[in-house]
Amino acid sequence: MDGLRGSGGRPATAAMLDFCAEHGVTAGIELLPSARVNEALDRLQRNDVRYRFVLDLSDLS
């Protein structure tokens, strides 16, 4: 199992994030308010997803 080391730990992850920031590499997301979590789950089940869902939890008290 040589070569299968996961992310390489915090230093390697930090280096990867720095590289992405320097080169404008970003992730496409679809931001949804938390109240739409059921819609997100339904769409996942239907495979109707183009980007990663991110739930905005700032609307929770």
Protein backbone atom coordinates (compact mmCIF):
# COMPACT_ATOMS: atom_id res chain seq x y z
CA MET A 1 0.00 0.00 0.00
CA ASP A 2 2.94 2.31 -0.56
CA GLY A 3 1.86 5.63 -2.04
CA LEU A 4 -1.58 5.61 -0.41
CA ARG A 5 -1.06 8.16 2.30
CA GLY A 6 -4.26 10.20 2.26
CA SER A 7 -3.87 13.96 2.11
CA GLY A 8 -0.38 13.96 3.61
CA GLY A 9 -1.45 15.71 6.78
CA ARG A 10 -1.78 19.37 7.65
CA PRO A 11 1.42 20.67 6.00
CA ALA A 12 0.58 19.02 2.66
CA THR A 13 -3.04 20.21 2.87
CA ALA A 14 -1.89 23.77 3.63
CA ALA A 15 0.52 23.65 0.67
CA MET A 16 -2.25 22.41 -1.63
CA LEU A 17 -4.61 25.19 -0.47
CA ASP A 18 -1.85 27.79 -0.97
CA PHE A 19 -1.25 26.46 -4.49
CA CYS A 20 -4.98 26.67 -5.28
CA ALA A 21 -5.18 30.21 -3.95
CA GLU A 22 -2.16 31.33 -5.99
CA HIS A 23 -3.55 29.80 -9.19
CA GLY A 24 -7.25 30.69 -8.78
CA VAL A 25 -8.37 27.08 -8.41
CA THR A 26 -11.80 27.03 -6.78
CA ALA A 27 -14.64 24.61 -6.20
CA GLY A 28 -18.03 25.08 -7.81
CA ILE A 29 -20.81 25.01 -5.21
CA GLU A 30 -24.51 25.60 -4.96
CA LEU A 31 -25.26 27.52 -1.77
CA LEU A 32 -28.65 26.80 -0.23
CA PRO A 33 -30.27 28.14 2.94
CA SER A 34 -30.67 25.50 5.61
CA ALA A 35 -34.45 25.49 5.13
CA ARG A 36 -33.91 23.87 1.71
CA VAL A 37 -32.05 20.82 3.04
CA ASN A 38 -34.88 18.47 1.99
CA GLU A 39 -34.74 19.85 -1.56
CA ALA A 40 -31.00 19.20 -1.62
CA LEU A 41 -31.50 15.62 -0.43
CA ASP A 42 -34.25 15.01 -3.00
CA ARG A 43 -32.04 16.33 -5.79
CA LEU A 44 -29.14 14.17 -4.63
CA GLN A 45 -31.40 11.13 -4.78
CA ARG A 46 -32.47 12.05 -8.35
CA ASN A 47 -28.83 12.70 -9.32
CA ASP A 48 -29.87 16.27 -10.22
CA VAL A 49 -26.70 17.89 -8.94
CA ARG A 50 -24.06 19.72 -10.92
CA TYR A 51 -22.04 21.23 -8.07
CA ARG A 52 -21.42 20.35 -4.45
CA PHE A 53 -24.21 21.52 -2.16
CA VAL A 54 -23.26 23.81 0.71
CA LEU A 55 -25.91 24.58 3.30
CA ASP A 56 -25.80 28.07 4.76
CA LEU A 57 -26.36 27.53 8.46
CA SER A 58 -26.23 31.23 9.37
CA ASP A 59 -30.04 31.34 9.31
CA LEU A 60 -30.30 28.94 12.28
CA SER A 61 -30.88 30.46 15.70
